[in-house]
């Protein structure tokens, strides 16, 4: 009707059967990853509790459930996670300062830029501009990149775009490149920003390992 405002419901609705299947798959995937990356014994108990909680949260009937964004994360959870991930936090589970700096920077970029995991791992140093007042990172489609060894490259969902970054983030990037990344063996054999501190480029499963350890540590 003319003159009357219309509102669009932005909240997604999924059937409880779909939610049940998704949570089941998630719990099984976490269990699978723990075996692939050889989670240490100190995290096994926490991992078991996490999987149990996921399974217990599965719906018991088949009515439609509306999922609200505000219910996705408990209050303060993200801040708590970012606090532990800070390289200067004494409770950070990683001992090596270079790894702490890398992980901290990864989580900062994921949070502040809203980029996908695959896009994060595909960031190349040549597409980072931190030498000007308006620092930025350009997300590029790198189809058939000879340096990207992943079976499923982050291409189909990647929209090329230039993202501005704060001077604080620019300083974190500069510090990581100059004082840590540049000193890692084989890091100069590819253009990527994020690397393992042993063999070179950081892969998807290794990033998942970092995230899993951080999630388990906070429980």
Protein backbone atom coordinates (compact mmCIF):
# COMPACT_ATOMS: atom_id res chain seq x y z
CA UNK A 1 0.00 0.00 0.00
CA UNK A 2 1.31 3.43 -0.95
CA UNK A 3 2.68 5.45 1.94
CA UNK A 4 3.11 2.46 4.23
CA UNK A 5 6.60 1.31 5.16
CA UNK A 6 7.54 -2.27 4.44
CA UNK A 7 10.00 -4.23 6.52
CA UNK A 8 12.03 -7.22 5.43
CA UNK A 9 12.75 -9.96 7.94
CA UNK A 10 16.53 -10.36 7.74
CA UNK A 11 16.59 -13.32 10.09
CA UNK A 12 16.98 -16.70 8.43
CA UNK A 13 14.70 -19.58 9.32
CA UNK A 14 15.86 -23.17 9.02
CA UNK A 15 14.04 -26.36 9.83
CA UNK A 16 15.03 -28.13 13.00
CA UNK A 17 15.88 -31.21 10.97
CA UNK A 18 18.45 -29.16 9.06
CA UNK A 19 19.81 -27.70 12.27
CA UNK A 20 20.06 -31.21 13.73
CA UNK A 21 22.01 -32.42 10.70
CA UNK A 22 24.31 -29.40 10.71
CA UNK A 23 25.19 -29.75 14.39
CA UNK A 24 25.77 -33.47 13.95
CA UNK A 25 28.08 -32.82 11.01
CA UNK A 26 29.90 -30.11 12.97
CA UNK A 27 30.56 -32.41 15.92
CA UNK A 28 31.78 -35.18 13.62
CA UNK A 29 34.01 -32.74 11.72
CA UNK A 30 35.61 -31.45 14.93
CA UNK A 31 36.27 -35.04 15.99
CA UNK A 32 37.78 -35.77 12.57
CA UNK A 33 40.04 -32.70 12.73
CA UNK A 34 41.26 -33.61 16.20
CA UNK A 35 42.49 -36.92 14.81
CA UNK A 36 44.04 -35.39 11.69
CA UNK A 37 46.01 -32.73 13.58
CA UNK A 38 46.83 -34.96 16.57
CA UNK A 39 45.37 -32.87 19.39
CA UNK A 40 47.44 -33.32 22.53
CA UNK A 41 46.08 -35.25 25.51
CA UNK A 42 45.61 -32.08 27.59
CA UNK A 43 42.85 -30.97 25.20
CA UNK A 44 41.13 -34.35 24.72
CA UNK A 45 38.86 -33.94 27.76
CA UNK A 46 37.86 -30.41 26.75
CA UNK A 47 37.29 -31.54 23.18
CA UNK A 48 35.05 -34.38 24.35
CA UNK A 49 32.98 -31.94 26.43
CA UNK A 50 32.71 -29.56 23.47
CA UNK A 51 31.42 -32.30 21.17
CA UNK A 52 28.96 -33.43 23.85
CA UNK A 53 27.63 -29.89 24.26
CA UNK A 54 27.14 -29.55 20.50
CA UNK A 55 25.20 -32.81 20.33
CA UNK A 56 23.10 -31.91 23.36
CA UNK A 57 22.14 -28.61 21.72
CA UNK A 58 20.53 -30.39 18.77
CA UNK A 59 16.75 -29.82 18.52
CA UNK A 60 14.33 -32.44 19.75
CA UNK A 61 11.43 -31.76 17.36
CA UNK A 62 10.85 -30.73 13.75
CA UNK A 63 9.28 -27.28 14.04
CA UNK A 64 10.81 -24.28 12.31
CA UNK A 65 13.43 -22.42 14.30
CA UNK A 66 14.30 -18.79 13.76
CA UNK A 67 17.98 -18.10 14.32
CA UNK A 68 18.71 -14.59 15.48
CA UNK A 69 22.19 -13.10 15.03
CA UNK A 70 22.26 -11.95 18.64
CA UNK A 71 21.97 -15.57 19.83
CA UNK A 72 24.97 -16.81 17.87
CA UNK A 73 27.59 -15.79 20.44
CA UNK A 74 27.18 -15.38 24.20
CA UNK A 75 27.88 -11.92 25.58
CA UNK A 76 31.59 -11.29 25.94
CA UNK A 77 32.68 -14.50 24.19
CA UNK A 78 34.32 -12.76 21.24
CA UNK A 79 36.08 -10.24 23.48
CA UNK A 80 37.31 -13.07 25.71
CA UNK A 81 38.60 -15.01 22.72
CA UNK A 82 40.39 -11.97 21.27
CA UNK A 83 41.92 -11.24 24.67
CA UNK A 84 43.42 -14.73 24.91
CA UNK A 85 44.60 -14.51 21.30
CA UNK A 86 46.52 -11.30 22.02
CA UNK A 87 50.24 -11.99 21.70
CA UNK A 88 50.94 -10.28 25.03
CA UNK A 89 48.42 -12.29 27.06
CA UNK A 90 50.23 -14.63 29.50
CA UNK A 91 47.35 -17.11 29.09
CA UNK A 92 47.96 -17.46 25.35
CA UNK A 93 48.51 -21.23 24.81
CA UNK A 94 51.26 -20.69 22.21
CA UNK A 95 54.79 -20.18 23.51
CA UNK A 96 56.64 -18.89 20.44
CA UNK A 97 56.30 -15.09 20.14
CA UNK A 98 56.34 -15.26 16.34
CA UNK A 99 53.39 -17.67 16.31
CA UNK A 100 51.59 -15.49 18.85
CA UNK A 101 52.08 -12.43 16.66
CA UNK A 102 50.88 -14.31 13.57
CA UNK A 103 47.76 -15.70 15.26
CA UNK A 104 46.90 -12.34 16.82
CA UNK A 105 47.16 -10.65 13.41
CA UNK A 106 45.03 -13.34 11.76
CA UNK A 107 42.22 -12.95 14.27
CA UNK A 108 42.39 -9.15 14.06
CA UNK A 109 42.00 -9.26 10.26
CA UNK A 110 39.16 -11.79 10.40
CA UNK A 111 37.30 -9.67 12.96
CA UNK A 112 37.95 -6.20 11.57
CA UNK A 113 37.74 -6.91 7.83
CA UNK A 114 35.05 -9.58 7.87
CA UNK A 115 36.91 -11.72 5.35
CA UNK A 116 36.60 -15.47 4.90
CA UNK A 117 39.17 -17.98 6.09
CA UNK A 118 40.22 -18.78 2.53
CA UNK A 119 40.61 -15.10 1.72
CA UNK A 120 42.74 -14.61 4.81
CA UNK A 121 45.13 -17.37 3.77
CA UNK A 122 45.28 -15.98 0.22
CA UNK A 123 46.49 -12.51 1.25
CA UNK A 124 49.73 -11.74 -0.58
CA UNK A 125 52.34 -9.29 0.65
CA UNK A 126 52.45 -7.53 -2.73
CA UNK A 127 48.78 -6.54 -2.33
CA UNK A 128 49.30 -4.93 1.08
CA UNK A 129 49.80 -1.16 1.12
CA UNK A 130 51.14 0.07 4.46
CA UNK A 131 53.48 2.72 3.18
CA UNK A 132 50.90 5.47 2.80
CA UNK A 133 48.48 7.36 5.02
CA UNK A 134 45.56 5.31 3.68
CA UNK A 135 46.80 1.79 4.32
CA UNK A 136 44.87 -1.05 2.73
CA UNK A 137 44.75 -4.73 1.80
CA UNK A 138 43.51 -5.84 -1.60
CA UNK A 139 41.67 -9.15 -1.73
CA UNK A 140 42.37 -10.72 -5.13
CA UNK A 141 41.04 -13.69 -7.03
CA UNK A 142 44.08 -15.89 -7.58
CA UNK A 143 42.66 -18.55 -9.90
CA UNK A 144 45.08 -21.42 -10.61
CA UNK A 145 47.78 -19.77 -8.51
CA UNK A 146 50.85 -21.98 -8.78
CA UNK A 147 51.78 -21.12 -5.19
CA UNK A 148 48.40 -22.18 -3.78
CA UNK A 149 48.55 -25.91 -3.07
CA UNK A 150 45.03 -26.18 -1.67
CA UNK A 151 42.70 -28.52 -3.58
CA UNK A 152 39.86 -26.02 -3.18
CA UNK A 153 41.17 -22.52 -3.68
CA UNK A 154 39.25 -19.50 -2.37
CA UNK A 155 38.09 -18.36 -5.81
CA UNK A 156 34.38 -18.89 -6.43
CA UNK A 157 33.24 -16.83 -3.42
CA UNK A 158 36.01 -14.24 -3.55
CA UNK A 159 35.05 -10.77 -4.72
CA UNK A 160 38.04 -8.61 -5.53
CA UNK A 161 38.05 -5.54 -3.33
CA UNK A 162 40.32 -3.06 -1.60
CA UNK A 163 39.83 -2.90 2.16
CA UNK A 164 41.13 0.04 4.23
CA UNK A 165 42.96 -0.84 7.43
CA UNK A 166 43.84 1.21 10.48
CA UNK A 167 47.37 2.36 11.23
CA UNK A 168 47.38 0.02 14.22
CA UNK A 169 46.74 -2.97 11.95
CA UNK A 170 49.29 -1.66 9.46
CA UNK A 171 51.89 -1.55 12.23
CA UNK A 172 51.04 -5.13 13.29
CA UNK A 173 51.49 -6.29 9.68
CA UNK A 174 54.78 -4.43 9.28
CA UNK A 175 56.10 -5.84 12.56
CA UNK A 176 55.15 -9.41 11.60
CA UNK A 177 56.68 -9.17 8.11
CA UNK A 178 59.92 -7.48 9.12
CA UNK A 179 60.67 -9.22 12.41
CA UNK A 180 59.16 -12.69 12.04
CA UNK A 181 57.85 -13.72 8.61
CA UNK A 182 61.01 -12.64 6.77
CA UNK A 183 63.17 -14.82 9.02
CA UNK A 184 61.23 -18.06 8.49
CA UNK A 185 62.87 -20.67 6.21
CA UNK A 186 61.16 -20.98 2.80
CA UNK A 187 58.89 -18.00 3.49
CA UNK A 188 60.48 -16.19 0.55
CA UNK A 189 59.52 -18.97 -1.88
CA UNK A 190 55.91 -17.76 -2.09
CA UNK A 191 54.08 -14.40 -1.84
CA UNK A 192 51.72 -15.17 1.05
CA UNK A 193 51.56 -13.17 4.27
CA UNK A 194 50.71 -15.98 6.66
CA UNK A 195 53.14 -18.85 6.97
CA UNK A 196 53.85 -21.77 9.26
CA UNK A 197 56.96 -21.22 11.31
CA UNK A 198 58.53 -24.40 10.03
CA UNK A 199 57.68 -25.15 6.40
CA UNK A 200 56.26 -22.07 4.74
CA UNK A 201 52.68 -21.33 3.70
CA UNK A 202 49.93 -21.71 6.29
CA UNK A 203 47.25 -24.14 5.08
CA UNK A 204 43.55 -24.45 5.90
CA UNK A 205 43.94 -27.39 8.27
CA UNK A 206 46.69 -25.57 10.17
CA UNK A 207 44.50 -22.50 10.62
CA UNK A 208 41.70 -24.74 11.87
CA UNK A 209 44.19 -26.27 14.31
CA UNK A 210 45.00 -22.81 15.70
CA UNK A 211 41.31 -21.95 16.05
CA UNK A 212 40.52 -25.30 17.67
CA UNK A 213 43.28 -24.93 20.25
CA UNK A 214 42.16 -21.41 21.09
CA UNK A 215 38.52 -22.50 21.46
CA UNK A 216 39.43 -25.45 23.65
CA UNK A 217 41.76 -23.36 25.79
CA UNK A 218 39.08 -20.86 26.77
CA UNK A 219 36.69 -23.49 28.16
